[in-house]
N, C-alpha and C. Protein backbone atom coordinates (compact mmCIF):
# COMPACT_ATOMS: atom_id res chain seq x y z
N MET A 1 45.48 -45.63 7.15
CA MET A 1 45.44 -46.68 8.17
C MET A 1 44.26 -46.45 9.12
N ILE A 2 43.70 -47.52 9.61
CA ILE A 2 42.58 -47.43 10.54
C ILE A 2 43.08 -47.08 11.94
N LYS A 3 42.53 -46.00 12.47
CA LYS A 3 42.95 -45.51 13.78
C LYS A 3 41.80 -45.41 14.77
N GLY A 4 40.55 -45.50 14.28
CA GLY A 4 39.41 -45.31 15.16
C GLY A 4 38.24 -46.22 14.85
N PHE A 5 37.38 -46.39 15.84
CA PHE A 5 36.18 -47.20 15.71
C PHE A 5 34.99 -46.39 16.20
N ILE A 6 33.91 -46.45 15.44
CA ILE A 6 32.68 -45.74 15.80
C ILE A 6 31.56 -46.77 15.91
N PHE A 7 30.85 -46.73 17.03
CA PHE A 7 29.81 -47.72 17.31
C PHE A 7 28.42 -47.10 17.36
N ASP A 8 27.48 -47.76 16.71
CA ASP A 8 26.08 -47.49 16.97
C ASP A 8 25.79 -47.99 18.39
N LEU A 9 24.66 -47.61 18.95
CA LEU A 9 24.34 -48.01 20.32
C LEU A 9 23.38 -49.20 20.36
N ASP A 10 22.15 -48.97 19.97
CA ASP A 10 21.13 -50.02 20.05
C ASP A 10 21.44 -51.14 19.06
N GLY A 11 21.57 -52.35 19.59
CA GLY A 11 21.85 -53.50 18.73
C GLY A 11 23.32 -53.75 18.51
N VAL A 12 24.17 -52.89 19.06
CA VAL A 12 25.62 -53.06 18.93
C VAL A 12 26.28 -53.05 20.32
N ILE A 13 26.08 -52.00 21.08
CA ILE A 13 26.61 -51.94 22.44
C ILE A 13 25.69 -52.69 23.40
N THR A 14 24.42 -52.39 23.30
CA THR A 14 23.41 -53.06 24.11
C THR A 14 22.15 -53.19 23.25
N ASP A 15 21.17 -53.90 23.74
CA ASP A 15 19.96 -54.07 22.96
C ASP A 15 18.77 -53.47 23.71
N THR A 16 18.45 -52.24 23.35
CA THR A 16 17.28 -51.59 23.95
C THR A 16 16.11 -51.63 22.97
N ALA A 17 16.20 -52.49 21.96
CA ALA A 17 15.15 -52.57 20.95
C ALA A 17 13.80 -52.90 21.58
N GLU A 18 13.80 -53.79 22.57
CA GLU A 18 12.53 -54.17 23.19
C GLU A 18 11.92 -53.00 23.95
N GLN A 19 12.78 -52.21 24.64
CA GLN A 19 12.27 -51.02 25.34
C GLN A 19 11.67 -50.03 24.36
N HIS A 20 12.34 -49.84 23.21
CA HIS A 20 11.81 -48.95 22.18
C HIS A 20 10.47 -49.47 21.67
N PHE A 21 10.42 -50.76 21.38
CA PHE A 21 9.19 -51.34 20.85
C PHE A 21 8.04 -51.16 21.82
N GLN A 22 8.27 -51.46 23.10
CA GLN A 22 7.20 -51.37 24.09
C GLN A 22 6.73 -49.92 24.27
N ALA A 23 7.69 -48.97 24.19
CA ALA A 23 7.32 -47.56 24.32
C ALA A 23 6.47 -47.09 23.14
N TRP A 24 6.90 -47.46 21.92
CA TRP A 24 6.10 -47.11 20.74
C TRP A 24 4.74 -47.82 20.77
N LYS A 25 4.71 -49.06 21.22
CA LYS A 25 3.47 -49.82 21.28
C LYS A 25 2.49 -49.17 22.26
N GLN A 26 3.00 -48.73 23.40
CA GLN A 26 2.15 -48.06 24.38
C GLN A 26 1.53 -46.80 23.79
N LEU A 27 2.36 -46.01 23.09
CA LEU A 27 1.86 -44.79 22.47
C LEU A 27 0.84 -45.11 21.38
N ALA A 28 1.16 -46.09 20.54
CA ALA A 28 0.27 -46.45 19.44
C ALA A 28 -1.08 -46.94 19.96
N ASP A 29 -1.04 -47.74 21.01
CA ASP A 29 -2.29 -48.23 21.60
C ASP A 29 -3.15 -47.08 22.11
N GLU A 30 -2.50 -46.09 22.73
CA GLU A 30 -3.23 -44.93 23.24
C GLU A 30 -3.88 -44.14 22.10
N MET A 31 -3.20 -44.13 20.94
CA MET A 31 -3.70 -43.38 19.79
C MET A 31 -4.66 -44.19 18.92
N GLY A 32 -4.78 -45.48 19.23
CA GLY A 32 -5.61 -46.35 18.40
C GLY A 32 -4.97 -46.67 17.06
N TRP A 33 -3.63 -46.65 17.03
CA TRP A 33 -2.88 -46.91 15.80
C TRP A 33 -2.46 -48.36 15.70
N ASP A 34 -2.30 -48.83 14.47
CA ASP A 34 -1.73 -50.14 14.21
C ASP A 34 -0.21 -50.06 14.36
N PHE A 35 0.34 -50.95 15.15
CA PHE A 35 1.80 -50.98 15.33
C PHE A 35 2.20 -52.38 15.75
N ASP A 36 3.13 -52.98 15.01
CA ASP A 36 3.60 -54.32 15.35
C ASP A 36 5.11 -54.40 15.14
N ARG A 37 5.66 -55.57 15.31
CA ARG A 37 7.12 -55.72 15.22
C ARG A 37 7.64 -55.52 13.80
N GLU A 38 6.81 -55.80 12.81
CA GLU A 38 7.22 -55.57 11.42
C GLU A 38 7.40 -54.08 11.16
N ILE A 39 6.48 -53.26 11.63
CA ILE A 39 6.62 -51.81 11.50
C ILE A 39 7.81 -51.34 12.33
N ASN A 40 7.94 -51.90 13.52
CA ASN A 40 9.03 -51.51 14.42
C ASN A 40 10.40 -51.74 13.78
N GLU A 41 10.51 -52.79 12.96
CA GLU A 41 11.79 -53.08 12.30
C GLU A 41 12.20 -51.94 11.37
N ARG A 42 11.23 -51.24 10.82
CA ARG A 42 11.52 -50.12 9.93
C ARG A 42 12.08 -48.91 10.69
N LEU A 43 11.96 -48.92 12.00
CA LEU A 43 12.43 -47.80 12.82
C LEU A 43 13.88 -48.00 13.27
N ARG A 44 14.46 -49.15 12.97
CA ARG A 44 15.82 -49.46 13.43
C ARG A 44 16.81 -48.44 12.88
N GLY A 45 17.54 -47.77 13.78
CA GLY A 45 18.55 -46.80 13.39
C GLY A 45 18.01 -45.46 12.95
N VAL A 46 16.69 -45.24 13.10
CA VAL A 46 16.04 -44.03 12.62
C VAL A 46 15.73 -43.10 13.79
N SER A 47 15.77 -41.80 13.56
CA SER A 47 15.54 -40.83 14.63
C SER A 47 14.10 -40.91 15.14
N ARG A 48 13.86 -40.29 16.30
CA ARG A 48 12.55 -40.34 16.93
C ARG A 48 11.47 -39.71 16.06
N MET A 49 11.75 -38.53 15.52
CA MET A 49 10.74 -37.85 14.71
C MET A 49 10.52 -38.57 13.38
N ASP A 50 11.58 -39.08 12.79
CA ASP A 50 11.41 -39.86 11.56
C ASP A 50 10.61 -41.12 11.85
N SER A 51 10.83 -41.70 13.03
CA SER A 51 10.10 -42.91 13.41
C SER A 51 8.60 -42.65 13.53
N ILE A 52 8.24 -41.57 14.21
CA ILE A 52 6.80 -41.31 14.39
C ILE A 52 6.15 -40.93 13.06
N ASN A 53 6.92 -40.34 12.17
CA ASN A 53 6.38 -40.06 10.83
C ASN A 53 6.14 -41.34 10.04
N ILE A 54 7.00 -42.33 10.23
CA ILE A 54 6.80 -43.63 9.59
C ILE A 54 5.52 -44.28 10.12
N ILE A 55 5.33 -44.22 11.44
CA ILE A 55 4.13 -44.80 12.06
C ILE A 55 2.88 -44.05 11.60
N LYS A 56 2.98 -42.73 11.54
CA LYS A 56 1.85 -41.91 11.09
C LYS A 56 1.46 -42.26 9.66
N ALA A 57 2.47 -42.37 8.80
CA ALA A 57 2.20 -42.67 7.39
C ALA A 57 1.57 -44.05 7.24
N HIS A 58 2.08 -45.01 8.02
CA HIS A 58 1.52 -46.37 7.96
C HIS A 58 0.04 -46.36 8.33
N ASN A 59 -0.33 -45.52 9.29
CA ASN A 59 -1.71 -45.46 9.75
C ASN A 59 -2.55 -44.43 9.00
N LYS A 60 -1.91 -43.77 8.01
CA LYS A 60 -2.61 -42.73 7.23
C LYS A 60 -3.27 -41.71 8.16
N ALA A 61 -2.55 -41.35 9.22
CA ALA A 61 -3.08 -40.42 10.21
C ALA A 61 -2.76 -38.97 9.81
N GLU A 62 -3.70 -38.10 10.09
CA GLU A 62 -3.51 -36.67 9.83
C GLU A 62 -3.30 -35.97 11.17
N ILE A 63 -2.06 -35.62 11.45
CA ILE A 63 -1.73 -35.01 12.73
C ILE A 63 -0.80 -33.83 12.51
N PRO A 64 -1.07 -32.67 13.12
CA PRO A 64 -0.19 -31.50 12.98
C PRO A 64 1.21 -31.79 13.51
N GLU A 65 2.19 -31.09 12.93
CA GLU A 65 3.59 -31.32 13.29
C GLU A 65 3.85 -31.09 14.78
N ASP A 66 3.21 -30.05 15.35
CA ASP A 66 3.46 -29.77 16.77
C ASP A 66 2.92 -30.88 17.66
N GLN A 67 1.80 -31.49 17.28
CA GLN A 67 1.27 -32.61 18.06
C GLN A 67 2.14 -33.85 17.89
N LEU A 68 2.71 -34.03 16.70
CA LEU A 68 3.63 -35.15 16.49
C LEU A 68 4.82 -35.05 17.43
N ALA A 69 5.35 -33.85 17.57
CA ALA A 69 6.49 -33.63 18.47
C ALA A 69 6.11 -33.97 19.91
N GLU A 70 4.89 -33.60 20.32
CA GLU A 70 4.42 -33.93 21.66
C GLU A 70 4.31 -35.44 21.86
N LEU A 71 3.81 -36.12 20.84
CA LEU A 71 3.68 -37.58 20.92
C LEU A 71 5.06 -38.25 20.99
N ALA A 72 6.01 -37.72 20.22
CA ALA A 72 7.37 -38.26 20.25
C ALA A 72 7.99 -38.08 21.63
N THR A 73 7.71 -36.94 22.25
CA THR A 73 8.20 -36.67 23.60
C THR A 73 7.59 -37.65 24.60
N LYS A 74 6.29 -37.93 24.44
CA LYS A 74 5.61 -38.87 25.33
C LYS A 74 6.23 -40.26 25.20
N LYS A 75 6.47 -40.68 23.94
CA LYS A 75 7.12 -41.98 23.73
C LYS A 75 8.46 -42.02 24.42
N ASN A 76 9.20 -40.91 24.34
CA ASN A 76 10.52 -40.86 24.95
C ASN A 76 10.44 -40.98 26.47
N GLU A 77 9.41 -40.42 27.06
CA GLU A 77 9.22 -40.53 28.51
C GLU A 77 8.99 -41.98 28.91
N TYR A 78 8.20 -42.70 28.12
CA TYR A 78 7.98 -44.12 28.39
C TYR A 78 9.31 -44.88 28.29
N TYR A 79 10.08 -44.55 27.25
CA TYR A 79 11.35 -45.22 27.02
C TYR A 79 12.35 -44.92 28.14
N LEU A 80 12.45 -43.66 28.53
CA LEU A 80 13.39 -43.26 29.57
C LEU A 80 13.12 -43.98 30.88
N ALA A 81 11.84 -44.14 31.21
CA ALA A 81 11.50 -44.84 32.44
C ALA A 81 12.04 -46.27 32.43
N SER A 82 12.03 -46.90 31.26
CA SER A 82 12.51 -48.28 31.15
C SER A 82 14.03 -48.38 31.23
N LEU A 83 14.73 -47.28 30.93
CA LEU A 83 16.20 -47.32 30.94
C LEU A 83 16.77 -47.51 32.33
N GLU A 84 16.00 -47.15 33.35
CA GLU A 84 16.47 -47.31 34.72
C GLU A 84 16.77 -48.76 35.06
N GLU A 85 16.24 -49.68 34.27
CA GLU A 85 16.44 -51.10 34.52
C GLU A 85 17.74 -51.62 33.93
N ILE A 86 18.42 -50.83 33.07
CA ILE A 86 19.67 -51.27 32.43
C ILE A 86 20.81 -51.24 33.44
N THR A 87 21.65 -52.29 33.41
CA THR A 87 22.81 -52.37 34.29
C THR A 87 24.05 -52.77 33.49
N SER A 88 25.16 -52.91 34.19
CA SER A 88 26.42 -53.30 33.54
C SER A 88 26.38 -54.73 33.02
N GLU A 89 25.32 -55.44 33.32
CA GLU A 89 25.16 -56.81 32.81
C GLU A 89 24.49 -56.83 31.44
N ASP A 90 24.13 -55.66 30.93
CA ASP A 90 23.33 -55.60 29.71
C ASP A 90 24.10 -55.25 28.43
N TYR A 91 25.43 -55.35 28.46
CA TYR A 91 26.18 -55.29 27.21
C TYR A 91 25.79 -56.50 26.36
N LEU A 92 25.77 -56.33 25.05
CA LEU A 92 25.61 -57.50 24.19
C LEU A 92 26.87 -58.36 24.30
N PRO A 93 26.74 -59.68 24.26
CA PRO A 93 27.89 -60.57 24.40
C PRO A 93 29.01 -60.21 23.42
N GLY A 94 30.22 -60.04 23.97
CA GLY A 94 31.39 -59.72 23.16
C GLY A 94 31.70 -58.24 23.07
N THR A 95 30.73 -57.38 23.38
CA THR A 95 30.94 -55.94 23.19
C THR A 95 31.91 -55.35 24.19
N ARG A 96 31.73 -55.65 25.47
CA ARG A 96 32.62 -55.09 26.48
C ARG A 96 34.06 -55.56 26.25
N GLU A 97 34.20 -56.82 25.86
CA GLU A 97 35.54 -57.35 25.58
C GLU A 97 36.18 -56.62 24.40
N LEU A 98 35.39 -56.33 23.37
CA LEU A 98 35.91 -55.62 22.20
C LEU A 98 36.32 -54.20 22.57
N LEU A 99 35.47 -53.50 23.32
CA LEU A 99 35.80 -52.13 23.73
C LEU A 99 37.07 -52.10 24.57
N THR A 100 37.20 -53.06 25.46
CA THR A 100 38.41 -53.15 26.30
C THR A 100 39.64 -53.37 25.45
N HIS A 101 39.54 -54.28 24.47
CA HIS A 101 40.65 -54.60 23.59
C HIS A 101 41.06 -53.38 22.77
N LEU A 102 40.09 -52.65 22.25
CA LEU A 102 40.39 -51.46 21.45
C LEU A 102 41.15 -50.42 22.25
N LYS A 103 40.74 -50.21 23.49
CA LYS A 103 41.42 -49.23 24.33
C LYS A 103 42.83 -49.69 24.66
N GLN A 104 43.00 -50.98 24.90
CA GLN A 104 44.32 -51.52 25.19
C GLN A 104 45.27 -51.36 24.00
N GLU A 105 44.69 -51.46 22.79
CA GLU A 105 45.49 -51.36 21.57
C GLU A 105 45.72 -49.90 21.15
N GLY A 106 45.11 -48.96 21.85
CA GLY A 106 45.35 -47.55 21.57
C GLY A 106 44.48 -46.94 20.48
N PHE A 107 43.41 -47.61 20.10
CA PHE A 107 42.50 -47.05 19.10
C PHE A 107 41.62 -45.98 19.73
N ARG A 108 41.23 -45.01 18.90
CA ARG A 108 40.26 -44.00 19.32
C ARG A 108 38.86 -44.59 19.14
N VAL A 109 37.97 -44.31 20.07
CA VAL A 109 36.64 -44.92 20.05
C VAL A 109 35.56 -43.86 20.24
N ALA A 110 34.54 -43.91 19.41
CA ALA A 110 33.43 -42.95 19.51
C ALA A 110 32.10 -43.67 19.38
N LEU A 111 31.06 -43.00 19.86
CA LEU A 111 29.69 -43.46 19.66
C LEU A 111 29.08 -42.65 18.52
N GLY A 112 28.30 -43.32 17.67
CA GLY A 112 27.60 -42.63 16.59
C GLY A 112 26.17 -43.16 16.54
N SER A 113 25.31 -42.59 17.38
CA SER A 113 23.96 -43.12 17.54
C SER A 113 22.91 -42.07 17.26
N ALA A 114 21.77 -42.51 16.71
CA ALA A 114 20.65 -41.60 16.47
C ALA A 114 19.90 -41.28 17.75
N SER A 115 20.16 -42.04 18.80
CA SER A 115 19.44 -41.88 20.06
C SER A 115 19.82 -40.59 20.77
N LYS A 116 18.82 -39.87 21.26
CA LYS A 116 19.07 -38.68 22.07
C LYS A 116 19.29 -39.05 23.54
N ASN A 117 19.15 -40.32 23.84
CA ASN A 117 19.34 -40.81 25.20
C ASN A 117 20.61 -41.64 25.35
N ALA A 118 21.51 -41.52 24.38
CA ALA A 118 22.71 -42.36 24.36
C ALA A 118 23.55 -42.21 25.62
N ALA A 119 23.73 -40.97 26.08
CA ALA A 119 24.57 -40.73 27.25
C ALA A 119 23.99 -41.43 28.47
N LYS A 120 22.67 -41.42 28.60
CA LYS A 120 22.00 -42.08 29.72
C LYS A 120 22.22 -43.59 29.67
N VAL A 121 22.11 -44.18 28.49
CA VAL A 121 22.30 -45.62 28.34
C VAL A 121 23.74 -46.00 28.69
N LEU A 122 24.70 -45.23 28.18
CA LEU A 122 26.11 -45.51 28.49
C LEU A 122 26.38 -45.41 29.99
N GLN A 123 25.75 -44.43 30.61
CA GLN A 123 25.91 -44.26 32.07
C GLN A 123 25.36 -45.47 32.81
N GLN A 124 24.18 -45.93 32.42
CA GLN A 124 23.58 -47.09 33.07
C GLN A 124 24.45 -48.34 32.90
N LEU A 125 25.08 -48.47 31.73
CA LEU A 125 25.94 -49.61 31.46
C LEU A 125 27.29 -49.51 32.17
N GLY A 126 27.68 -48.28 32.55
CA GLY A 126 29.02 -48.05 33.06
C GLY A 126 30.03 -48.06 31.94
N ALA A 127 29.61 -47.60 30.75
CA ALA A 127 30.44 -47.71 29.54
C ALA A 127 31.08 -46.40 29.11
N THR A 128 30.75 -45.31 29.78
CA THR A 128 31.20 -43.98 29.32
C THR A 128 32.71 -43.90 29.15
N GLY A 129 33.45 -44.54 30.02
CA GLY A 129 34.91 -44.47 30.00
C GLY A 129 35.56 -45.09 28.78
N TYR A 130 34.83 -45.89 28.05
CA TYR A 130 35.39 -46.50 26.85
C TYR A 130 35.44 -45.53 25.67
N PHE A 131 34.69 -44.44 25.75
CA PHE A 131 34.49 -43.58 24.58
C PHE A 131 35.25 -42.25 24.69
N ASP A 132 35.98 -41.94 23.62
CA ASP A 132 36.70 -40.67 23.55
C ASP A 132 35.80 -39.56 23.04
N ALA A 133 34.72 -39.91 22.38
CA ALA A 133 33.78 -38.92 21.85
C ALA A 133 32.40 -39.55 21.74
N ILE A 134 31.37 -38.73 21.89
CA ILE A 134 30.00 -39.21 21.78
C ILE A 134 29.24 -38.36 20.78
N GLY A 135 28.74 -39.01 19.74
CA GLY A 135 27.85 -38.37 18.78
C GLY A 135 26.49 -39.03 18.93
N ASP A 136 25.45 -38.22 19.15
CA ASP A 136 24.12 -38.79 19.33
C ASP A 136 23.08 -37.94 18.62
N GLY A 137 21.83 -38.20 18.91
CA GLY A 137 20.75 -37.49 18.24
C GLY A 137 20.71 -36.01 18.52
N ASN A 138 21.47 -35.58 19.52
CA ASN A 138 21.55 -34.15 19.83
C ASN A 138 22.69 -33.45 19.08
N SER A 139 23.52 -34.23 18.38
CA SER A 139 24.75 -33.69 17.79
C SER A 139 24.57 -33.15 16.38
N VAL A 140 23.65 -33.74 15.61
CA VAL A 140 23.46 -33.35 14.21
C VAL A 140 21.96 -33.26 13.92
N SER A 141 21.63 -32.57 12.84
CA SER A 141 20.21 -32.41 12.48
C SER A 141 19.72 -33.50 11.53
N LYS A 142 20.60 -34.05 10.70
CA LYS A 142 20.21 -35.08 9.75
C LYS A 142 20.56 -36.46 10.32
N SER A 143 19.55 -37.32 10.40
CA SER A 143 19.78 -38.66 10.93
C SER A 143 20.14 -39.64 9.81
N LYS A 144 20.54 -40.83 10.18
CA LYS A 144 20.84 -41.88 9.22
C LYS A 144 19.62 -42.13 8.34
N PRO A 145 19.78 -42.35 7.04
CA PRO A 145 20.99 -42.77 6.32
C PRO A 145 21.95 -41.66 5.91
N ALA A 146 21.70 -40.42 6.32
CA ALA A 146 22.71 -39.38 6.10
C ALA A 146 23.94 -39.72 6.95
N PRO A 147 25.14 -39.43 6.46
CA PRO A 147 26.35 -39.83 7.19
C PRO A 147 26.78 -38.86 8.29
N ASP A 148 25.98 -37.83 8.54
CA ASP A 148 26.38 -36.72 9.41
C ASP A 148 26.86 -37.16 10.80
N ILE A 149 26.16 -38.12 11.43
CA ILE A 149 26.52 -38.50 12.79
C ILE A 149 27.90 -39.16 12.83
N PHE A 150 28.23 -39.94 11.81
CA PHE A 150 29.54 -40.58 11.78
C PHE A 150 30.64 -39.58 11.44
N ILE A 151 30.32 -38.65 10.56
CA ILE A 151 31.29 -37.59 10.24
C ILE A 151 31.57 -36.75 11.48
N TYR A 152 30.52 -36.43 12.23
CA TYR A 152 30.66 -35.68 13.48
C TYR A 152 31.57 -36.44 14.46
N ALA A 153 31.31 -37.75 14.63
CA ALA A 153 32.09 -38.56 15.56
C ALA A 153 33.55 -38.63 15.14
N ALA A 154 33.79 -38.81 13.83
CA ALA A 154 35.17 -38.87 13.33
C ALA A 154 35.90 -37.56 13.58
N GLU A 155 35.21 -36.45 13.34
CA GLU A 155 35.82 -35.14 13.58
C GLU A 155 36.18 -34.96 15.05
N LYS A 156 35.31 -35.43 15.94
CA LYS A 156 35.58 -35.35 17.37
C LYS A 156 36.79 -36.20 17.76
N LEU A 157 37.03 -37.26 17.01
CA LEU A 157 38.21 -38.10 17.25
C LEU A 157 39.46 -37.53 16.59
N GLY A 158 39.26 -36.54 15.72
CA GLY A 158 40.38 -35.98 14.97
C GLY A 158 40.83 -36.88 13.84
N LEU A 159 39.88 -37.65 13.28
CA LEU A 159 40.20 -38.61 12.24
C LEU A 159 39.38 -38.38 10.98
N LYS A 160 39.86 -38.91 9.86
CA LYS A 160 39.13 -38.87 8.60
C LYS A 160 38.23 -40.11 8.51
N PRO A 161 37.16 -40.06 7.72
CA PRO A 161 36.29 -41.23 7.59
C PRO A 161 37.03 -42.51 7.20
N GLU A 162 37.97 -42.39 6.28
CA GLU A 162 38.67 -43.59 5.81
C GLU A 162 39.60 -44.18 6.88
N GLU A 163 39.77 -43.47 7.99
CA GLU A 163 40.59 -43.96 9.10
C GLU A 163 39.74 -44.63 10.19
N CYS A 164 38.43 -44.74 9.92
CA CYS A 164 37.51 -45.26 10.93
C CYS A 164 36.69 -46.46 10.45
N VAL A 165 36.44 -47.37 11.37
CA VAL A 165 35.54 -48.50 11.14
C VAL A 165 34.26 -48.23 11.91
N VAL A 166 33.13 -48.39 11.24
CA VAL A 166 31.82 -48.20 11.87
C VAL A 166 31.17 -49.56 12.10
N TYR A 167 30.67 -49.78 13.32
CA TYR A 167 29.89 -50.97 13.65
C TYR A 167 28.42 -50.58 13.66
N GLU A 168 27.62 -51.26 12.86
CA GLU A 168 26.20 -50.93 12.73
C GLU A 168 25.34 -52.19 12.60
N ASP A 169 24.11 -52.12 13.13
CA ASP A 169 23.19 -53.25 12.99
C ASP A 169 21.98 -52.91 12.13
N ALA A 170 21.92 -51.67 11.62
CA ALA A 170 20.75 -51.23 10.86
C ALA A 170 21.11 -50.95 9.40
N GLU A 171 20.17 -51.22 8.52
CA GLU A 171 20.37 -50.94 7.10
C GLU A 171 20.69 -49.46 6.88
N ALA A 172 19.93 -48.58 7.54
CA ALA A 172 20.16 -47.14 7.41
C ALA A 172 21.54 -46.75 7.91
N GLY A 173 22.02 -47.44 8.94
CA GLY A 173 23.34 -47.15 9.48
C GLY A 173 24.46 -47.54 8.54
N ILE A 174 24.33 -48.70 7.90
CA ILE A 174 25.32 -49.13 6.91
C ILE A 174 25.31 -48.17 5.73
N ASP A 175 24.12 -47.76 5.30
CA ASP A 175 24.00 -46.78 4.21
C ASP A 175 24.73 -45.49 4.58
N ALA A 176 24.55 -45.05 5.82
CA ALA A 176 25.19 -43.82 6.29
C ALA A 176 26.71 -43.95 6.30
N ALA A 177 27.20 -45.08 6.80
CA ALA A 177 28.65 -45.30 6.86
C ALA A 177 29.26 -45.29 5.46
N LYS A 178 28.62 -45.98 4.53
CA LYS A 178 29.15 -46.06 3.17
C LYS A 178 29.06 -44.71 2.47
N ALA A 179 27.98 -43.97 2.74
CA ALA A 179 27.84 -42.64 2.13
C ALA A 179 28.92 -41.69 2.61
N GLY A 180 29.39 -41.90 3.83
CA GLY A 180 30.41 -41.02 4.40
C GLY A 180 31.83 -41.44 4.12
N GLY A 181 32.01 -42.59 3.48
CA GLY A 181 33.36 -43.05 3.16
C GLY A 181 34.03 -43.83 4.27
N PHE A 182 33.22 -44.39 5.19
CA PHE A 182 33.75 -45.18 6.30
C PHE A 182 33.81 -46.66 5.93
N HIS A 183 34.62 -47.41 6.65
CA HIS A 183 34.63 -48.86 6.54
C HIS A 183 33.49 -49.38 7.42
N ALA A 184 32.64 -50.26 6.88
CA ALA A 184 31.43 -50.66 7.59
C ALA A 184 31.44 -52.13 8.00
N VAL A 185 31.18 -52.35 9.28
CA VAL A 185 30.99 -53.70 9.81
C VAL A 185 29.51 -53.85 10.17
N GLY A 186 28.85 -54.82 9.55
CA GLY A 186 27.44 -55.06 9.80
C GLY A 186 27.23 -56.14 10.85
N ILE A 187 26.32 -55.86 11.77
CA ILE A 187 25.96 -56.84 12.79
C ILE A 187 24.51 -57.24 12.57
N GLY A 188 24.28 -58.50 12.18
CA GLY A 188 22.91 -58.94 11.94
C GLY A 188 22.79 -59.74 10.67
N PRO A 189 21.56 -60.00 10.25
CA PRO A 189 21.31 -60.87 9.10
C PRO A 189 21.71 -60.26 7.77
N GLU A 190 21.97 -61.13 6.81
CA GLU A 190 22.39 -60.73 5.46
C GLU A 190 21.39 -59.78 4.82
N GLU A 191 20.10 -60.04 4.99
CA GLU A 191 19.09 -59.22 4.33
C GLU A 191 19.04 -57.79 4.88
N ARG A 192 19.59 -57.58 6.07
CA ARG A 192 19.57 -56.24 6.66
C ARG A 192 20.89 -55.50 6.49
N VAL A 193 22.00 -56.18 6.74
CA VAL A 193 23.31 -55.49 6.71
C VAL A 193 24.31 -56.18 5.79
N GLY A 194 23.81 -56.94 4.85
CA GLY A 194 24.70 -57.66 3.94
C GLY A 194 25.50 -56.76 3.01
N HIS A 195 25.12 -55.49 2.92
CA HIS A 195 25.85 -54.56 2.06
C HIS A 195 27.01 -53.89 2.78
N ALA A 196 27.28 -54.29 4.02
CA ALA A 196 28.47 -53.80 4.74
C ALA A 196 29.72 -54.41 4.12
N ASP A 197 30.88 -53.85 4.46
CA ASP A 197 32.14 -54.40 3.95
C ASP A 197 32.38 -55.81 4.48
N ILE A 198 31.96 -56.02 5.73
CA ILE A 198 32.05 -57.34 6.35
C ILE A 198 30.88 -57.46 7.31
N ARG A 199 30.33 -58.66 7.41
CA ARG A 199 29.14 -58.87 8.24
C ARG A 199 29.36 -60.00 9.23
N PHE A 200 28.80 -59.83 10.44
CA PHE A 200 28.83 -60.88 11.46
C PHE A 200 27.41 -61.08 11.99
N ASP A 201 27.13 -62.29 12.41
CA ASP A 201 25.80 -62.56 12.97
C ASP A 201 25.60 -61.89 14.32
N SER A 202 26.70 -61.70 15.05
CA SER A 202 26.59 -61.13 16.38
C SER A 202 27.87 -60.38 16.75
N MET A 203 27.78 -59.56 17.79
CA MET A 203 28.96 -58.84 18.26
C MET A 203 30.02 -59.80 18.80
N LYS A 204 29.59 -60.92 19.32
CA LYS A 204 30.54 -61.88 19.88
C LYS A 204 31.52 -62.38 18.82
N LYS A 205 31.06 -62.41 17.56
CA LYS A 205 31.91 -62.87 16.47
C LYS A 205 32.72 -61.74 15.83
N ALA A 206 32.32 -60.50 16.11
CA ALA A 206 32.95 -59.34 15.45
C ALA A 206 34.15 -58.83 16.24
N THR A 207 35.10 -59.69 16.47
CA THR A 207 36.27 -59.36 17.28
C THR A 207 37.26 -58.48 16.52
N LEU A 208 38.17 -57.87 17.24
CA LEU A 208 39.20 -57.06 16.61
C LEU A 208 40.06 -57.93 15.69
N PHE A 209 40.33 -59.15 16.09
CA PHE A 209 41.12 -60.06 15.26
C PHE A 209 40.44 -60.28 13.90
N GLU A 210 39.13 -60.52 13.91
CA GLU A 210 38.40 -60.78 12.67
C GLU A 210 38.37 -59.54 11.77
N VAL A 211 38.18 -58.37 12.39
CA VAL A 211 38.14 -57.14 11.61
C VAL A 211 39.51 -56.83 11.03
N LYS A 212 40.55 -57.03 11.82
CA LYS A 212 41.91 -56.82 11.33
C LYS A 212 42.21 -57.78 10.17
N SER A 213 41.72 -58.99 10.27
CA SER A 213 41.97 -59.98 9.22
C SER A 213 41.33 -59.54 7.90
N HIS A 214 40.13 -58.96 8.00
CA HIS A 214 39.43 -58.53 6.78
C HIS A 214 40.07 -57.30 6.17
N PHE A 215 40.44 -56.35 7.02
CA PHE A 215 41.04 -55.09 6.54
C PHE A 215 42.55 -55.11 6.77
N ALA A 216 43.18 -56.24 6.48
CA ALA A 216 44.60 -56.46 6.84
C ALA A 216 45.52 -55.37 6.32
N ASP A 217 45.26 -54.87 5.12
CA ASP A 217 46.16 -53.88 4.53
C ASP A 217 45.95 -52.48 5.11
N LEU A 218 44.95 -52.33 6.00
CA LEU A 218 44.66 -51.00 6.55
C LEU A 218 45.09 -50.87 8.01
N PHE A 219 45.72 -51.91 8.54
CA PHE A 219 46.24 -51.86 9.91
C PHE A 219 47.77 -51.93 9.86
N SER A 220 48.40 -51.13 10.69
CA SER A 220 49.86 -51.12 10.69
C SER A 220 50.39 -52.31 11.47
C-alpha cells in the first residue's frame, strides 16, 4: 500500500528553473561559452557538477577538474543570491494544497532533489514543516537518473520504494524513480515525462484524488 510521497523540488514544489538558467548563463557568458535554453533543458534534474560537464562537453572546452569545481561553485553563488527573492507566494499552483492534503491524510512526505540548496529554498517558501525527511544533493553521491536520492528519502521515511509515489518533472527523475521501483507521477509534457506511470500537465492537476484514482488498488 502507498504510505508516502516523495517530491522533486524544481518544477514540482516551486520553479527556480529561471534562476538556474540565468546563473548558468552568467557563468557561460563570462567564460565565452555557448549556452541557451535548449542546452539548459538538458540540465533539468541533473546535479551541479554533471551540469557543468554537459556545458563543457557542448563547448568542447578543455578545463581541469579542479577548475570545473570552482566554476560550479561560482554558478551556485549567483544562484544563491537569486534565492533571496523567493517567498511563500512562489509555490507552483496546486502544490501547497496537495502538501496540506497529504499531511491531513496522514501520509509521510519527503523531498528528493538533486539540489544542494533545497533546504534554503524550502525555508524561503515556508515549506519545511510539510516534510518529514529531506534528501538533497548533499545526501547521496550518485545523482539522477540513479535512484539513490529516492531510496535515501524512502529510507528516511521508514518506507519501501513500492510504498512511495514520486513526483518528478524531469526525464532523469522519472528514470530514477522507475529504476528504484517507485510509483512515478510525471509533471510536464509527454515528450519529457510520458514514461511515468501517470502524467499531468501541471501540479494543479496532479491532486491526491487523481493519483488515488490511478493507483486505486494501492490505497487502503
